[in-house]
Amino acid sequence: MVGERCSRDCGFCAQARSSSAGDTLLSRVTWPRFPKEDLLTALERRESEFQRICIQSTVGPEATEALTGLVAAIRGRVTLPLDTSALPPDSAAADALIGAGVDHIGFGVDAATPEVFRRVKGPGWDRYQALIKHVARNHPGRAAVHLIAGLGETEQEFLRAVQNYAELGAVVGLFAFCPVAGTRLGGLPAPSLSAYRRLQAASYLITRELLGIEAMDFGPTGDLRHLPAEAWPKLAGGEAFRTSGCPGCNRPFYNERPGGPQYNYARPLTEAEARLALEETRIAPSSEQARA
């Protein structure tokens, strides 16, 4: 993670300018400070143990400069795929990051709708959308979008956003809202596990072009209440309930405590875990249908 306090004021984020949470926090994770040279040396020595590097960046002039410098420094020492979770100041800066060797630019849109975005994150929706479309159009496969479930959207709105970004060719990563003490939204509850399981299952089908939102049935309040029978065998292996996003990303316990509930599995699920995850959607089919 690079940069100091963020110039943005997202209601859930420990790095927001109004946050009183510790400045080493991001979601549930504490990021200890290390000298850059120690980091680079460690990456060189242990490169074979990792699949991908991701640099989290706050927003601000100093953060942009730090991000650019760190990308160049890492690229000079290791060959691992390198992603950034950042908001470039403009399309030229996004192009420069890709040109410097960044594999994906991860855009923390977080909110599924413009209304939720304005309430939770403030202004900037149009800027995010323009940058995502620019990267998706000019650097196919290099745009990634992060969406947080539980910020006040309906399940239908969330899945519509997933489908819209997937149709642009963006990688979509799902997160569960995690209340952090000291943030504006720190007193709100995390989403129910059943709601998140439904979003995981449907997003998996959407992003792999196995099923579109048009084939899904939603209740009056936007809750997903039915998937076609042919969808369930595609979900039986449990892959839908693993951490989603860029290849190799697992971020264990980023959204959850070790004692549970386990929103995102950071590894392949066992058969029992996969069955349980399907049951947790509360729209799971019978075991006979799941085996069909």
Foldseek 3Di string as FASTA:
>chain_A
DDDWQAPWAFQAACSGPQFPDDRQDGQHDGHDDDPLVVVLVVCLVCVVVAQEAEAEFGDDPRRLVVVVVSLLSNVVRDDHAYAYADQDPALVSVVVSVVSRHQAHEYACAALDPVLCCVRTNDDPVVSVVNQLSCCVPPPQRYAYEYEPDSPDALQSNQVSLLVSLVSRYFYWYHWRAQDPRGNCNPPDIDQLLQLLLSLLSSVCRNVVNDHPVQFDADPRRGTQDHDLVSLLVQQQPPSQAGGIDPRDRPPCSRHDPVDDPRHHSDGDDNVRSVVSLVSNVNHDDPVSNVD
